[in-house]
N, C-alpha and C. Protein backbone atom coordinates (compact mmCIF):
# COMPACT_ATOMS: atom_id res chain seq x y z
N MET A 1 -4.58 -26.46 -1.84
CA MET A 1 -3.46 -26.11 -2.68
C MET A 1 -3.79 -26.51 -4.12
N ALA A 2 -3.50 -25.63 -5.04
CA ALA A 2 -3.78 -25.86 -6.46
C ALA A 2 -2.47 -25.80 -7.25
N GLU A 3 -2.51 -26.42 -8.43
CA GLU A 3 -1.37 -26.39 -9.35
C GLU A 3 -1.82 -25.76 -10.66
N LEU A 4 -0.94 -24.98 -11.26
CA LEU A 4 -1.20 -24.40 -12.56
C LEU A 4 -0.29 -25.07 -13.59
N ILE A 5 -0.91 -25.77 -14.52
CA ILE A 5 -0.17 -26.44 -15.58
C ILE A 5 -0.22 -25.56 -16.82
N LEU A 6 0.93 -25.33 -17.41
CA LEU A 6 1.03 -24.57 -18.65
C LEU A 6 1.38 -25.53 -19.77
N TYR A 7 0.67 -25.42 -20.89
CA TYR A 7 0.85 -26.32 -22.03
C TYR A 7 1.69 -25.67 -23.13
N ARG A 8 2.37 -26.51 -23.89
CA ARG A 8 3.17 -26.04 -25.02
C ARG A 8 2.26 -25.38 -26.05
N SER A 9 2.78 -24.33 -26.66
CA SER A 9 2.05 -23.63 -27.71
C SER A 9 2.92 -23.58 -28.95
N ASN A 10 2.36 -23.99 -30.06
CA ASN A 10 3.08 -23.90 -31.33
C ASN A 10 2.96 -22.51 -31.93
N ASP A 11 2.12 -21.66 -31.34
CA ASP A 11 1.90 -20.32 -31.87
C ASP A 11 2.90 -19.29 -31.34
N TYR A 12 3.60 -19.61 -30.26
CA TYR A 12 4.50 -18.65 -29.63
C TYR A 12 5.87 -19.27 -29.43
N ASP A 13 6.90 -18.43 -29.52
CA ASP A 13 8.26 -18.95 -29.30
C ASP A 13 8.59 -19.00 -27.82
N MET A 14 9.69 -19.64 -27.53
CA MET A 14 10.09 -19.87 -26.14
C MET A 14 10.36 -18.56 -25.41
N THR A 15 10.89 -17.57 -26.09
CA THR A 15 11.18 -16.28 -25.46
C THR A 15 9.91 -15.64 -24.93
N TYR A 16 8.84 -15.73 -25.68
CA TYR A 16 7.54 -15.19 -25.28
C TYR A 16 7.02 -15.93 -24.04
N VAL A 17 7.10 -17.25 -24.07
CA VAL A 17 6.63 -18.06 -22.95
C VAL A 17 7.43 -17.75 -21.69
N VAL A 18 8.75 -17.64 -21.84
CA VAL A 18 9.61 -17.30 -20.69
C VAL A 18 9.20 -15.95 -20.11
N ALA A 19 8.99 -14.96 -20.97
CA ALA A 19 8.61 -13.62 -20.50
C ALA A 19 7.28 -13.66 -19.75
N CYS A 20 6.34 -14.45 -20.24
CA CYS A 20 5.04 -14.57 -19.56
C CYS A 20 5.18 -15.25 -18.20
N ILE A 21 5.99 -16.29 -18.13
CA ILE A 21 6.20 -16.98 -16.85
C ILE A 21 6.84 -16.04 -15.84
N ILE A 22 7.83 -15.26 -16.28
CA ILE A 22 8.48 -14.31 -15.38
C ILE A 22 7.45 -13.30 -14.87
N LYS A 23 6.66 -12.75 -15.79
CA LYS A 23 5.71 -11.70 -15.43
C LYS A 23 4.57 -12.21 -14.55
N PHE A 24 3.98 -13.33 -14.92
CA PHE A 24 2.78 -13.80 -14.22
C PHE A 24 3.07 -14.64 -12.98
N CYS A 25 4.14 -15.43 -13.04
CA CYS A 25 4.46 -16.33 -11.91
C CYS A 25 5.54 -15.77 -11.01
N GLU A 26 6.14 -14.65 -11.42
CA GLU A 26 7.22 -14.01 -10.66
C GLU A 26 8.42 -14.93 -10.45
N HIS A 27 8.70 -15.75 -11.47
CA HIS A 27 9.90 -16.61 -11.43
C HIS A 27 11.11 -15.79 -11.86
N THR A 28 12.29 -16.26 -11.47
CA THR A 28 13.52 -15.65 -11.99
C THR A 28 13.64 -16.04 -13.47
N PRO A 29 14.46 -15.31 -14.22
CA PRO A 29 14.66 -15.70 -15.62
C PRO A 29 15.15 -17.13 -15.78
N GLU A 30 16.01 -17.57 -14.88
CA GLU A 30 16.53 -18.94 -14.94
C GLU A 30 15.42 -19.97 -14.69
N GLN A 31 14.59 -19.71 -13.68
CA GLN A 31 13.48 -20.62 -13.39
C GLN A 31 12.50 -20.68 -14.56
N ALA A 32 12.20 -19.52 -15.11
CA ALA A 32 11.25 -19.45 -16.21
C ALA A 32 11.79 -20.17 -17.44
N GLU A 33 13.06 -20.03 -17.71
CA GLU A 33 13.66 -20.71 -18.86
C GLU A 33 13.63 -22.22 -18.67
N GLN A 34 13.90 -22.69 -17.46
CA GLN A 34 13.83 -24.13 -17.19
C GLN A 34 12.41 -24.65 -17.37
N CYS A 35 11.42 -23.90 -16.88
CA CYS A 35 10.02 -24.29 -17.07
C CYS A 35 9.69 -24.38 -18.56
N ALA A 36 10.08 -23.37 -19.31
CA ALA A 36 9.78 -23.33 -20.74
C ALA A 36 10.45 -24.48 -21.48
N MET A 37 11.65 -24.84 -21.09
CA MET A 37 12.35 -25.96 -21.73
C MET A 37 11.61 -27.28 -21.47
N ILE A 38 11.14 -27.46 -20.25
CA ILE A 38 10.38 -28.67 -19.91
C ILE A 38 9.06 -28.68 -20.67
N ILE A 39 8.39 -27.55 -20.73
CA ILE A 39 7.13 -27.46 -21.48
C ILE A 39 7.37 -27.81 -22.94
N ASN A 40 8.44 -27.28 -23.50
CA ASN A 40 8.76 -27.53 -24.89
C ASN A 40 9.04 -29.01 -25.16
N SER A 41 9.70 -29.68 -24.23
CA SER A 41 10.06 -31.08 -24.46
C SER A 41 8.95 -32.06 -24.06
N LYS A 42 8.20 -31.76 -23.00
CA LYS A 42 7.19 -32.70 -22.50
C LYS A 42 5.75 -32.31 -22.86
N GLY A 43 5.57 -31.08 -23.31
CA GLY A 43 4.23 -30.64 -23.70
C GLY A 43 3.46 -29.92 -22.62
N GLN A 44 3.91 -30.03 -21.36
CA GLN A 44 3.23 -29.36 -20.24
C GLN A 44 4.14 -29.37 -19.03
N TYR A 45 3.85 -28.47 -18.10
CA TYR A 45 4.62 -28.43 -16.85
C TYR A 45 3.86 -27.59 -15.84
N THR A 46 3.95 -27.97 -14.57
CA THR A 46 3.36 -27.20 -13.49
C THR A 46 4.28 -26.02 -13.19
N VAL A 47 3.78 -24.82 -13.49
CA VAL A 47 4.60 -23.62 -13.33
C VAL A 47 4.36 -22.89 -12.01
N LYS A 48 3.26 -23.25 -11.31
CA LYS A 48 2.96 -22.55 -10.06
C LYS A 48 2.09 -23.40 -9.16
N HIS A 49 2.33 -23.32 -7.87
CA HIS A 49 1.50 -23.94 -6.84
C HIS A 49 1.00 -22.83 -5.93
N GLY A 50 -0.18 -23.02 -5.35
CA GLY A 50 -0.65 -22.03 -4.40
C GLY A 50 -2.13 -22.13 -4.15
N ASP A 51 -2.66 -21.10 -3.53
CA ASP A 51 -4.07 -20.99 -3.23
C ASP A 51 -4.86 -20.99 -4.55
N PHE A 52 -6.00 -21.68 -4.56
CA PHE A 52 -6.78 -21.81 -5.79
C PHE A 52 -7.10 -20.46 -6.41
N TYR A 53 -7.50 -19.49 -5.63
CA TYR A 53 -7.91 -18.20 -6.18
C TYR A 53 -6.72 -17.44 -6.78
N ASP A 54 -5.55 -17.57 -6.18
CA ASP A 54 -4.35 -16.97 -6.75
C ASP A 54 -3.97 -17.65 -8.07
N ILE A 55 -4.06 -18.96 -8.08
CA ILE A 55 -3.74 -19.73 -9.29
C ILE A 55 -4.75 -19.42 -10.40
N GLU A 56 -6.00 -19.29 -10.03
CA GLU A 56 -7.04 -18.96 -11.01
C GLU A 56 -6.77 -17.61 -11.68
N GLU A 57 -6.31 -16.66 -10.89
CA GLU A 57 -5.98 -15.33 -11.41
C GLU A 57 -4.81 -15.40 -12.39
N ILE A 58 -3.80 -16.17 -12.06
CA ILE A 58 -2.64 -16.34 -12.94
C ILE A 58 -3.04 -17.06 -14.22
N ALA A 59 -3.88 -18.08 -14.09
CA ALA A 59 -4.36 -18.81 -15.28
C ALA A 59 -5.09 -17.86 -16.22
N TYR A 60 -5.89 -16.97 -15.67
CA TYR A 60 -6.61 -15.98 -16.47
C TYR A 60 -5.64 -15.10 -17.25
N LEU A 61 -4.55 -14.69 -16.61
CA LEU A 61 -3.54 -13.86 -17.29
C LEU A 61 -2.91 -14.62 -18.46
N PHE A 62 -2.55 -15.88 -18.24
CA PHE A 62 -1.97 -16.69 -19.31
C PHE A 62 -2.96 -16.85 -20.47
N GLU A 63 -4.21 -17.14 -20.13
CA GLU A 63 -5.23 -17.34 -21.16
C GLU A 63 -5.42 -16.06 -21.99
N ASN A 64 -5.32 -14.91 -21.35
CA ASN A 64 -5.51 -13.63 -22.05
C ASN A 64 -4.39 -13.32 -23.04
N VAL A 65 -3.26 -13.96 -22.89
CA VAL A 65 -2.15 -13.75 -23.84
C VAL A 65 -1.99 -14.94 -24.78
N GLY A 66 -2.99 -15.83 -24.78
CA GLY A 66 -3.02 -16.91 -25.76
C GLY A 66 -2.37 -18.21 -25.36
N LEU A 67 -2.01 -18.34 -24.08
CA LEU A 67 -1.38 -19.58 -23.62
C LEU A 67 -2.40 -20.43 -22.87
N VAL A 68 -2.34 -21.72 -23.06
CA VAL A 68 -3.33 -22.65 -22.51
C VAL A 68 -2.84 -23.19 -21.18
N THR A 69 -3.73 -23.17 -20.19
CA THR A 69 -3.42 -23.67 -18.85
C THR A 69 -4.51 -24.61 -18.37
N LYS A 70 -4.21 -25.26 -17.26
CA LYS A 70 -5.19 -26.08 -16.57
C LYS A 70 -4.89 -25.97 -15.08
N ILE A 71 -5.92 -25.91 -14.28
CA ILE A 71 -5.77 -25.86 -12.83
C ILE A 71 -6.16 -27.21 -12.27
N ILE A 72 -5.30 -27.74 -11.40
CA ILE A 72 -5.57 -29.00 -10.71
C ILE A 72 -5.61 -28.70 -9.21
N GLU A 73 -6.68 -29.15 -8.56
CA GLU A 73 -6.79 -28.96 -7.11
C GLU A 73 -6.33 -30.19 -6.38
């Protein structure tokens, strides 16, 4: 099982981050907004758990839109 950590970005607003979380992690808007609020206040948050290869694919999507992630196994 792997975790995907998403880091705060000063380059993008919260609306953008929420939209990316909804699209890539398939969270509800409410879940995505809560994740983004935690990221904004703490600097990082685990937005997804799952199989390493699935998490790696999602991390790649985030990285391609300019958001920084880290995978923890």
